C-alpha atoms as a PDB file:
ATOM      1  CA  MET A   1     140.648  54.306  26.721  1.00  0.00           C
ATOM      2  CA  GLN A   2     138.989  51.906  29.295  1.00  0.00           C
ATOM      3  CA  PRO A   3     138.502  48.204  28.101  1.00  0.00           C
ATOM      4  CA  HIS A   4     134.759  47.439  27.649  1.00  0.00           C
ATOM      5  CA  GLN A   5     133.527  45.652  30.785  1.00  0.00           C
ATOM      6  CA  PRO A   6     130.810  42.697  30.479  1.00  0.00           C
ATOM      7  CA  CYS A   7     127.331  43.536  31.592  1.00  0.00           C
ATOM      8  CA  GLY A   8     127.589  40.798  33.878  1.00  0.00           C
ATOM      9  CA  THR A   9     129.148  37.320  34.768  1.00  0.00           C
ATOM     10  CA  PRO A  10     127.810  34.130  32.792  1.00  0.00           C
ATOM     11  CA  THR A  11     126.070  33.109  36.195  1.00  0.00           C
ATOM     12  CA  SER A  12     124.163  36.156  36.477  1.00  0.00           C
ATOM     13  CA  ARG A  13     122.994  36.412  32.828  1.00  0.00           C
ATOM     14  CA  LYS A  14     121.800  32.584  32.985  1.00  0.00           C
ATOM     15  CA  ARG A  15     119.884  33.506  36.540  1.00  0.00           C
ATOM     16  CA  GLN A  16     118.367  36.340  34.610  1.00  0.00           C
ATOM     17  CA  ARG A  17     117.316  34.146  31.373  1.00  0.00           C
ATOM     18  CA  ARG A  18     115.802  31.730  34.035  1.00  0.00           C
ATOM     19  CA  THR A  19     113.749  34.259  35.805  1.00  0.00           C
ATOM     20  CA  ILE A  20     112.344  35.701  32.398  1.00  0.00           C
ATOM     21  CA  ARG A  21     111.565  32.101  31.433  1.00  0.00           C
ATOM     22  CA  ARG A  22     109.663  31.445  34.791  1.00  0.00           C
ATOM     23  CA  LEU A  23     107.746  34.663  34.562  1.00  0.00           C
ATOM     24  CA  ARG A  24     106.747  34.019  31.115  1.00  0.00           C
ATOM     25  CA  PHE A  25     105.589  30.534  31.947  1.00  0.00           C
ATOM     26  CA  ARG A  26     103.597  31.618  34.730  1.00  0.00           C
ATOM     27  CA  LEU A  27     101.992  34.201  32.727  1.00  0.00           C
ATOM     28  CA  VAL A  28     100.873  31.726  30.455  1.00  0.00           C
ATOM     29  CA  CYS A  29      99.425  29.616  33.091  1.00  0.00           C
ATOM     30  CA  ILE A  30      97.667  32.586  34.575  1.00  0.00           C
ATOM     31  CA  VAL A  31      96.049  33.553  31.214  1.00  0.00           C
ATOM     32  CA  HIS A  32      95.412  29.933  30.454  1.00  0.00           C
ATOM     33  CA  PHE A  33      93.330  29.031  33.615  1.00  0.00           C
ATOM     34  CA  ALA A  34      91.678  32.582  33.386  1.00  0.00           C
ATOM     35  CA  LEU A  35      90.167  31.867  30.242  1.00  0.00           C
ATOM     36  CA  ALA A  36      89.251  28.309  31.283  1.00  0.00           C
ATOM     37  CA  ALA A  37      87.349  29.811  34.076  1.00  0.00           C
ATOM     38  CA  CYS A  38      85.509  32.451  32.010  1.00  0.00           C
ATOM     39  CA  PRO A  39      82.688  30.058  30.837  1.00  0.00           C
ATOM     40  CA  LEU A  40      81.470  30.094  34.361  1.00  0.00           C
ATOM     41  CA  CYS A  41      81.020  34.056  34.374  1.00  0.00           C
ATOM     42  CA  GLY A  42      80.276  35.354  30.728  1.00  0.00           C
ATOM     43  CA  CYS A  43      80.995  34.981  26.843  1.00  0.00           C
ATOM     44  CA  ALA A  44      84.813  34.919  26.773  1.00  0.00           C
ATOM     45  CA  GLY A  45      85.073  31.220  27.068  1.00  0.00           C
ATOM     46  CA  PHE A  46      82.640  31.158  23.933  1.00  0.00           C
ATOM     47  CA  TRP A  47      85.085  33.543  22.272  1.00  0.00           C
ATOM     48  CA  ASP A  48      88.105  31.472  22.780  1.00  0.00           C
ATOM     49  CA  GLU A  49      86.353  28.412  21.526  1.00  0.00           C
ATOM     50  CA  VAL A  50      85.221  30.203  18.057  1.00  0.00           C
ATOM     51  CA  THR A  51      88.894  31.433  17.775  1.00  0.00           C
ATOM     52  CA  SER A  52      90.156  28.286  17.909  1.00  0.00           C
ATOM     53  CA  ARG A  53      91.678  26.960  14.801  1.00  0.00           C
ATOM     54  CA  ASP A  54      89.942  23.723  15.382  1.00  0.00           C
ATOM     55  CA  PHE A  55      86.486  25.654  15.521  1.00  0.00           C
ATOM     56  CA  LYS A  56      83.475  24.140  13.131  1.00  0.00           C
ATOM     57  CA  PHE A  57      80.344  26.307  13.020  1.00  0.00           C
ATOM     58  CA  LYS A  58      78.366  22.965  13.511  1.00  0.00           C
ATOM     59  CA  ASP A  59      79.740  22.269  16.940  1.00  0.00           C
ATOM     60  CA  MET A  60      78.341  25.371  18.076  1.00  0.00           C
ATOM     61  CA  PHE A  61      75.091  23.477  18.756  1.00  0.00           C
ATOM     62  CA  LYS A  62      76.731  20.163  19.998  1.00  0.00           C
ATOM     63  CA  PRO A  63      76.921  19.487  23.723  1.00  0.00           C
ATOM     64  CA  PRO A  64      80.443  19.957  24.986  1.00  0.00           C
ATOM     65  CA  PRO A  65      82.451  16.675  25.292  1.00  0.00           C
ATOM     66  CA  ASP A  66      82.541  14.537  28.009  1.00  0.00           C
ATOM     67  CA  PRO A  67      85.534  15.830  30.130  1.00  0.00           C
ATOM     68  CA  LEU A  68      86.449  11.970  30.885  1.00  0.00           C
ATOM     69  CA  TRP A  69      86.665  11.336  27.206  1.00  0.00           C
ATOM     70  CA  VAL A  70      88.650  14.252  26.400  1.00  0.00           C
ATOM     71  CA  ILE A  71      91.241  13.255  29.314  1.00  0.00           C
ATOM     72  CA  ARG A  72      91.886   9.879  28.004  1.00  0.00           C
ATOM     73  CA  ASN A  73      91.931  10.289  24.125  1.00  0.00           C
ATOM     74  CA  SER A  74      92.692  13.840  23.399  1.00  0.00           C
ATOM     75  CA  PRO A  75      96.239  14.721  22.334  1.00  0.00           C
ATOM     76  CA  ASP A  76      95.574  18.650  22.944  1.00  0.00           C
ATOM     77  CA  GLY A  77      96.836  19.632  26.091  1.00  0.00           C
ATOM     78  CA  ASP A  78      94.984  22.711  26.172  1.00  0.00           C
ATOM     79  CA  LYS A  79      91.777  20.868  25.824  1.00  0.00           C
ATOM     80  CA  LYS A  80      92.841  18.210  28.168  1.00  0.00           C
ATOM     81  CA  SER A  81      94.046  20.679  30.611  1.00  0.00           C
ATOM     82  CA  LYS A  82      90.340  22.335  30.708  1.00  0.00           C
ATOM     83  CA  ALA A  83      88.900  19.147  31.143  1.00  0.00           C
ATOM     84  CA  LEU A  84      90.880  18.284  34.280  1.00  0.00           C
ATOM     85  CA  GLY A  85      90.295  21.516  35.904  1.00  0.00           C
ATOM     86  CA  SER A  86      86.342  21.027  35.270  1.00  0.00           C
ATOM     87  CA  LEU A  87      86.340  18.061  37.163  1.00  0.00           C
ATOM     88  CA  LYS A  88      84.500  18.128  40.733  1.00  0.00           C
ATOM     89  CA  GLU A  89      84.450  15.473  43.376  1.00  0.00           C
ATOM     90  CA  PRO A  90      81.667  13.146  42.857  1.00  0.00           C
ATOM     91  CA  LEU A  91      80.954  11.925  46.606  1.00  0.00           C
ATOM     92  CA  GLN A  92      80.441  15.684  47.285  1.00  0.00           C
ATOM     93  CA  ASN A  93      78.118  16.143  44.512  1.00  0.00           C
ATOM     94  CA  GLY A  94      75.594  13.345  44.427  1.00  0.00           C
ATOM     95  CA  GLY A  95      77.769  10.874  42.596  1.00  0.00           C
ATOM     96  CA  SER A  96      78.736   6.944  43.545  1.00  0.00           C
ATOM     97  CA  GLN A  97      81.999   5.717  45.151  1.00  0.00           C
ATOM     98  CA  GLN A  98      83.005   4.329  41.649  1.00  0.00           C
ATOM     99  CA  GLU A  99      82.823   7.486  40.307  1.00  0.00           C
ATOM    100  CA  GLN A 100      84.803   8.846  42.993  1.00  0.00           C
ATOM    101  CA  ASP A 101      87.541   6.147  42.354  1.00  0.00           C
ATOM    102  CA  LEU A 102      87.748   6.834  38.660  1.00  0.00           C
ATOM    103  CA  ILE A 103      88.105  10.588  39.047  1.00  0.00           C
ATOM    104  CA  VAL A 104      90.695  10.588  41.773  1.00  0.00           C
ATOM    105  CA  LYS A 105      92.731   8.216  40.061  1.00  0.00           C
ATOM    106  CA  LEU A 106      92.537  10.212  36.823  1.00  0.00           C
ATOM    107  CA  LEU A 107      93.562  13.495  38.753  1.00  0.00           C
ATOM    108  CA  VAL A 108      96.022  11.925  40.778  1.00  0.00           C
ATOM    109  CA  GLN A 109      97.909  10.261  37.631  1.00  0.00           C
ATOM    110  CA  ASN A 110      97.886  13.452  35.660  1.00  0.00           C
ATOM    111  CA  ALA A 111      99.169  15.712  38.779  1.00  0.00           C
ATOM    112  CA  ILE A 112     102.157  13.603  39.308  1.00  0.00           C
ATOM    113  CA  SER A 113     103.263  12.428  35.772  1.00  0.00           C
ATOM    114  CA  ASP A 114     101.497  14.014  32.882  1.00  0.00           C
ATOM    115  CA  SER A 115     104.122  15.187  30.404  1.00  0.00           C
ATOM    116  CA  GLN A 116     102.207  18.283  29.661  1.00  0.00           C
ATOM    117  CA  PRO A 117     102.696  21.172  32.562  1.00  0.00           C
ATOM    118  CA  LEU A 118      99.456  22.854  32.062  1.00  0.00           C
ATOM    119  CA  CYS A 119      97.693  19.176  32.366  1.00  0.00           C
ATOM    120  CA  ARG A 120      99.553  18.899  35.804  1.00  0.00           C
ATOM    121  CA  LEU A 121      98.678  22.180  36.886  1.00  0.00           C
ATOM    122  CA  ALA A 122      95.088  21.641  36.265  1.00  0.00           C
ATOM    123  CA  ALA A 123      94.822  18.115  38.125  1.00  0.00           C
ATOM    124  CA  ILE A 124      96.641  19.916  41.043  1.00  0.00           C
ATOM    125  CA  SER A 125      94.162  22.664  41.035  1.00  0.00           C
ATOM    126  CA  SER A 126      91.275  20.358  41.096  1.00  0.00           C
ATOM    127  CA  LEU A 127      92.674  17.956  43.759  1.00  0.00           C
ATOM    128  CA  GLN A 128      92.913  20.783  46.048  1.00  0.00           C
ATOM    129  CA  HIS A 129      89.383  20.948  46.634  1.00  0.00           C
ATOM    130  CA  PHE A 130      88.988  17.263  47.019  1.00  0.00           C
ATOM    131  CA  LYS A 131      87.990  15.788  50.474  1.00  0.00           C
ATOM    132  CA  ASP A 132      89.252  12.354  49.649  1.00  0.00           C
ATOM    133  CA  SER A 133      92.252  11.230  51.878  1.00  0.00           C
ATOM    134  CA  ARG A 134      93.868  10.387  48.545  1.00  0.00           C
ATOM    135  CA  ALA A 135      94.273  14.304  47.435  1.00  0.00           C
ATOM    136  CA  ALA A 136      96.871  15.549  49.850  1.00  0.00           C
ATOM    137  CA  PRO A 137      99.179  12.394  49.408  1.00  0.00           C
ATOM    138  CA  ALA A 138      98.860  12.996  45.665  1.00  0.00           C
ATOM    139  CA  LEU A 139      99.760  16.522  46.039  1.00  0.00           C
ATOM    140  CA  ILE A 140     102.851  15.976  48.179  1.00  0.00           C
ATOM    141  CA  ASP A 141     103.889  13.530  45.155  1.00  0.00           C
ATOM    142  CA  ALA A 142     102.962  16.132  42.558  1.00  0.00           C
ATOM    143  CA  TYR A 143     105.624  18.501  44.291  1.00  0.00           C
ATOM    144  CA  GLU A 144     108.102  15.996  44.578  1.00  0.00           C
ATOM    145  CA  ARG A 145     108.082  14.473  41.204  1.00  0.00           C
ATOM    146  CA  SER A 146     107.897  17.968  39.309  1.00  0.00           C
ATOM    147  CA  ALA A 147     111.784  17.366  39.603  1.00  0.00           C
ATOM    148  CA  SER A 148     111.458  15.482  36.303  1.00  0.00           C
ATOM    149  CA  PHE A 149     111.176  19.038  34.813  1.00  0.00           C
ATOM    150  CA  GLN A 150     114.356  20.445  36.696  1.00  0.00           C
ATOM    151  CA  ARG A 151     117.180  19.745  34.123  1.00  0.00           C
ATOM    152  CA  ASP A 152     115.361  21.024  31.084  1.00  0.00           C
ATOM    153  CA  ARG A 153     112.532  23.483  32.018  1.00  0.00           C
ATOM    154  CA  PRO A 154     113.272  24.498  35.820  1.00  0.00           C
ATOM    155  CA  GLU A 155     110.844  27.303  35.674  1.00  0.00           C
ATOM    156  CA  VAL A 156     108.115  24.453  35.001  1.00  0.00           C
ATOM    157  CA  MET A 157     109.192  22.747  38.180  1.00  0.00           C
ATOM    158  CA  GLU A 158     109.350  25.734  40.154  1.00  0.00           C
ATOM    159  CA  THR A 159     105.756  26.686  38.969  1.00  0.00           C
ATOM    160  CA  ILE A 160     104.275  23.128  39.776  1.00  0.00           C
ATOM    161  CA  GLN A 161     105.877  23.089  43.163  1.00  0.00           C
ATOM    162  CA  GLU A 162     104.512  26.490  44.286  1.00  0.00           C
ATOM    163  CA  GLN A 163     101.115  25.547  42.884  1.00  0.00           C
ATOM    164  CA  ALA A 164     101.244  22.361  44.586  1.00  0.00           C
ATOM    165  CA  LEU A 165     102.168  23.876  48.022  1.00  0.00           C
ATOM    166  CA  GLN A 166      99.345  26.448  47.662  1.00  0.00           C
ATOM    167  CA  ALA A 167      96.833  23.566  46.882  1.00  0.00           C
ATOM    168  CA  LEU A 168      98.134  21.800  50.185  1.00  0.00           C
ATOM    169  CA  GLY A 169      97.206  24.796  52.075  1.00  0.00           C
ATOM    170  CA  VAL A 170      93.591  24.914  50.555  1.00  0.00           C
ATOM    171  CA  ASN A 171      93.142  21.317  50.979  1.00  0.00           C
ATOM    172  CA  GLY A 172      94.245  21.486  54.600  1.00  0.00           C
ATOM    173  CA  ASN A 173      95.208  17.682  55.287  1.00  0.00           C
ATOM    174  CA  PRO A 174      97.286  17.590  58.476  1.00  0.00           C
ATOM    175  CA  ILE A 175      99.716  15.442  56.566  1.00  0.00           C
ATOM    176  CA  ALA A 176     101.038  18.172  54.803  1.00  0.00           C
ATOM    177  CA  LEU A 177     101.934  20.007  57.741  1.00  0.00           C
ATOM    178  CA  ASN A 178     105.758  18.451  58.187  1.00  0.00           C
ATOM    179  CA  LEU A 179     106.417  19.276  54.617  1.00  0.00           C
ATOM    180  CA  LEU A 180     105.326  22.946  54.604  1.00  0.00           C
ATOM    181  CA  VAL A 181     107.199  23.632  58.068  1.00  0.00           C
ATOM    182  CA  GLY A 182     110.253  22.033  56.559  1.00  0.00           C
ATOM    183  CA  ILE A 183     110.305  24.246  53.731  1.00  0.00           C
ATOM    184  CA  LEU A 184     109.562  27.299  55.446  1.00  0.00           C
ATOM    185  CA  LYS A 185     112.242  26.415  57.767  1.00  0.00           C
ATOM    186  CA  ALA A 186     114.790  25.351  55.308  1.00  0.00           C
ATOM    187  CA  PRO A 187     118.056  27.812  54.633  1.00  0.00           C
ATOM    188  CA  PRO A 188     118.159  29.581  51.363  1.00  0.00           C
ATOM    189  CA  GLY A 189     119.914  27.688  48.676  1.00  0.00           C
ATOM    190  CA  THR A 190     119.015  24.055  50.331  1.00  0.00           C
ATOM    191  CA  GLY A 191     115.672  23.566  48.303  1.00  0.00           C
ATOM    192  CA  PRO A 192     115.304  21.238  45.309  1.00  0.00           C
ATOM    193  CA  SER A 193     116.445  23.642  42.843  1.00  0.00           C
ATOM    194  CA  GLY A 194     119.408  25.095  44.641  1.00  0.00           C
ATOM    195  CA  ASP A 195     118.472  28.688  43.437  1.00  0.00           C
ATOM    196  CA  LYS A 196     117.851  31.082  46.426  1.00  0.00           C
ATOM    197  CA  GLN A 197     114.967  33.142  44.780  1.00  0.00           C
ATOM    198  CA  ASN A 198     113.186  30.063  44.027  1.00  0.00           C
ATOM    199  CA  ASP A 199     113.505  28.697  47.710  1.00  0.00           C
ATOM    200  CA  LEU A 200     112.435  32.269  48.830  1.00  0.00           C
ATOM    201  CA  ASN A 201     109.250  31.985  46.610  1.00  0.00           C
ATOM    202  CA  GLN A 202     108.593  28.488  48.002  1.00  0.00           C
ATOM    203  CA  ARG A 203     109.163  29.471  51.682  1.00  0.00           C
ATOM    204  CA  ILE A 204     106.640  32.264  51.018  1.00  0.00           C
ATOM    205  CA  CYS A 205     104.033  29.715  49.552  1.00  0.00           C
ATOM    206  CA  ALA A 206     104.733  27.513  52.549  1.00  0.00           C
ATOM    207  CA  ALA A 207     104.123  30.267  55.118  1.00  0.00           C
ATOM    208  CA  ARG A 208     100.679  31.275  52.869  1.00  0.00           C
ATOM    209  CA  ALA A 209      99.568  27.703  53.248  1.00  0.00           C
ATOM    210  CA  LEU A 210     100.334  27.254  56.806  1.00  0.00           C
ATOM    211  CA  ALA A 211      97.509  29.807  57.241  1.00  0.00           C
ATOM    212  CA  TYR A 212      95.073  26.951  56.745  1.00  0.00           C
ATOM    213  CA  PHE A 213      96.595  24.765  59.650  1.00  0.00           C
ATOM    214  CA  PRO A 214      95.320  25.589  63.002  1.00  0.00           C
ATOM    215  CA  GLN A 215      98.296  23.765  64.966  1.00  0.00           C
ATOM    216  CA  TYR A 216     100.730  24.956  67.271  1.00  0.00           C
ATOM    217  CA  GLN A 217     103.583  23.457  64.887  1.00  0.00           C
ATOM    218  CA  ALA A 218     102.334  25.895  62.197  1.00  0.00           C
ATOM    219  CA  ALA A 219     102.268  28.884  64.472  1.00  0.00           C
ATOM    220  CA  GLU A 220     105.859  28.222  65.967  1.00  0.00           C
ATOM    221  CA  ALA A 221     107.010  28.055  62.426  1.00  0.00           C
ATOM    222  CA  LEU A 222     105.664  31.354  61.301  1.00  0.00           C
ATOM    223  CA  VAL A 223     106.865  32.680  64.481  1.00  0.00           C
ATOM    224  CA  SER A 224     110.492  31.484  63.894  1.00  0.00           C
ATOM    225  CA  VAL A 225     110.271  33.330  60.532  1.00  0.00           C
ATOM    226  CA  LEU A 226     109.651  36.791  62.369  1.00  0.00           C
ATOM    227  CA  ARG A 227     112.592  35.741  64.888  1.00  0.00           C
ATOM    228  CA  SER A 228     115.134  34.986  62.363  1.00  0.00           C
ATOM    229  CA  GLU A 229     114.448  36.453  58.771  1.00  0.00           C
ATOM    230  CA  GLN A 230     115.074  39.931  57.281  1.00  0.00           C
ATOM    231  CA  ASP A 231     113.234  39.186  53.943  1.00  0.00           C
ATOM    232  CA  VAL A 232     110.270  41.747  53.889  1.00  0.00           C
ATOM    233  CA  ALA A 233     108.006  39.783  51.840  1.00  0.00           C
ATOM    234  CA  LEU A 234     108.487  36.623  53.850  1.00  0.00           C
ATOM    235  CA  ARG A 235     108.097  38.420  57.268  1.00  0.00           C
ATOM    236  CA  ASP A 236     105.133  40.060  55.854  1.00  0.00           C
ATOM    237  CA  ARG A 237     103.276  36.698  54.582  1.00  0.00           C
ATOM    238  CA  ALA A 238     104.187  35.025  57.944  1.00  0.00           C
ATOM    239  CA  THR A 239     102.371  37.810  59.920  1.00  0.00           C
ATOM    240  CA  GLU A 240      99.363  37.578  57.858  1.00  0.00           C
ATOM    241  CA  SER A 241      99.270  33.850  58.100  1.00  0.00           C
ATOM    242  CA  LEU A 242      99.282  34.331  61.958  1.00  0.00           C
ATOM    243  CA  ARG A 243      96.565  36.764  61.649  1.00  0.00           C
ATOM    244  CA  GLU A 244      94.388  34.492  59.833  1.00  0.00           C
ATOM    245  CA  LEU A 245      95.230  31.547  62.346  1.00  0.00           C
ATOM    246  CA  THR A 246      94.328  33.522  65.349  1.00  0.00           C
ATOM    247  CA  GLY A 247      92.068  36.346  64.225  1.00  0.00           C
ATOM    248  CA  GLN A 248      94.459  38.612  66.096  1.00  0.00           C
ATOM    249  CA  GLU A 249      95.845  41.962  64.248  1.00  0.00           C
ATOM    250  CA  LEU A 250      99.460  42.008  66.152  1.00  0.00           C
ATOM    251  CA  PRO A 251     102.386  43.427  64.350  1.00  0.00           C
ATOM    252  CA  GLY A 252     105.117  41.427  62.615  1.00  0.00           C
ATOM    253  CA  ASN A 253     107.038  40.874  66.163  1.00  0.00           C
ATOM    254  CA  ALA A 254     108.391  37.551  67.023  1.00  0.00           C
ATOM    255  CA  GLU A 255     108.132  38.323  70.720  1.00  0.00           C
ATOM    256  CA  VAL A 256     104.718  39.853  70.387  1.00  0.00           C
ATOM    257  CA  TRP A 257     103.420  36.563  68.954  1.00  0.00           C
ATOM    258  CA  ALA A 258     105.226  34.350  71.042  1.00  0.00           C
ATOM    259  CA  GLU A 259     103.890  35.868  74.149  1.00  0.00           C
ATOM    260  CA  PHE A 260     100.421  35.820  72.736  1.00  0.00           C
ATOM    261  CA  LEU A 261     100.569  32.063  71.975  1.00  0.00           C
ATOM    262  CA  HIS A 262     101.970  31.303  75.241  1.00  0.00           C
ATOM    263  CA  LYS A 263      99.371  32.883  77.042  1.00  0.00           C
ATOM    264  CA  SER A 264      96.627  31.813  74.964  1.00  0.00           C
ATOM    265  CA  GLY A 265      97.482  28.057  74.518  1.00  0.00           C
ATOM    266  CA  LYS A 266      95.213  26.158  72.328  1.00  0.00           C
ATOM    267  CA  GLU A 267      92.511  28.729  72.465  1.00  0.00           C
ATOM    268  CA  ALA A 268      94.670  31.049  70.197  1.00  0.00           C
ATOM    269  CA  LEU A 269      94.261  28.742  67.199  1.00  0.00           C
ATOM    270  CA  ALA A 270      90.741  27.917  67.837  1.00  0.00           C
ATOM    271  CA  LYS A 271      89.318  31.018  66.562  1.00  0.00           C
ATOM    272  CA  LYS A 272      87.889  31.339  62.782  1.00  0.00           C
ATOM    273  CA  PRO A 273      90.694  32.578  60.665  1.00  0.00           C
ATOM    274  CA  THR A 274      90.107  36.258  59.622  1.00  0.00           C
ATOM    275  CA  THR A 275      88.638  36.437  56.118  1.00  0.00           C
ATOM    276  CA  LEU A 276      88.621  39.234  53.536  1.00  0.00           C
ATOM    277  CA  GLY A 277      85.181  39.815  54.399  1.00  0.00           C
ATOM    278  CA  ASP A 278      86.067  40.416  58.152  1.00  0.00           C
ATOM    279  CA  LYS A 279      88.631  42.877  57.319  1.00  0.00           C
ATOM    280  CA  LEU A 280      86.283  44.955  54.939  1.00  0.00           C
ATOM    281  CA  LEU A 281      83.792  44.883  57.937  1.00  0.00           C
ATOM    282  CA  LYS A 282      86.757  46.029  60.235  1.00  0.00           C
ATOM    283  CA  LEU A 283      87.695  48.813  57.887  1.00  0.00           C
ATOM    284  CA  VAL A 284      84.116  49.883  57.236  1.00  0.00           C
ATOM    285  CA  SER A 285      83.467  50.112  61.273  1.00  0.00           C
ATOM    286  CA  PHE A 286      86.749  52.153  61.747  1.00  0.00           C
ATOM    287  CA  GLN A 287      85.704  54.637  59.029  1.00  0.00           C
ATOM    288  CA  LYS A 288      82.513  54.952  60.734  1.00  0.00           C
END
């Protein structure tokens, strides 16, 4: 009779548990922010409030609390994260410079140092849409300072880092370009967590974010992925970002893209990125 063999090494089991925790935390984040957005499109936000253990019937007829008051005073992380996620840029919405400075300061503080992960994520989500020059450096800082969760809750650190990378893409400030390119080109296992799967996830996030940067440095980094990487998901994301940067539907071949960029020069990146609407129009035209 053969002796019983263990199902896996301690290292592999630890990696599996970490993956499960990461997926569980991301699911919680997805559900949380989906519910936070529901008041904008229906009654789900109302139901969320009614079923809360803090709900009181008389509160139905009161105006919602001031988000700034909630952020400063509420110990409830759920309420605070919703308040942070609701903040808009004052100068882009008729506000004053004083209001701008106050809101930016609050978002920056919470994005880089709040002890509650959902609050950090909500602040990052709001900052990505700010045109203020302080937004991008704060997002970079949020990416780096997420390392405070690495020892006890590595799945939280990884989620915050990926959210920060995506936010840097949406924000589009060129100061983020070196960070994104560096992450995309980094060898597996050399990232902040030392975990190859997490490094791959971050590289895919960086490739996605680079679609917002019409600079040759971004395009060259994406082409280098096609030239040297074997991972299908990473190659597909790099190809899609190149298509969005140039408006060209070329295949995922490094030499084809390198030749196109060489021949077209700066004009290759001067075209409007391909949007979902553009792709749907192309599909309809093709079917006709």
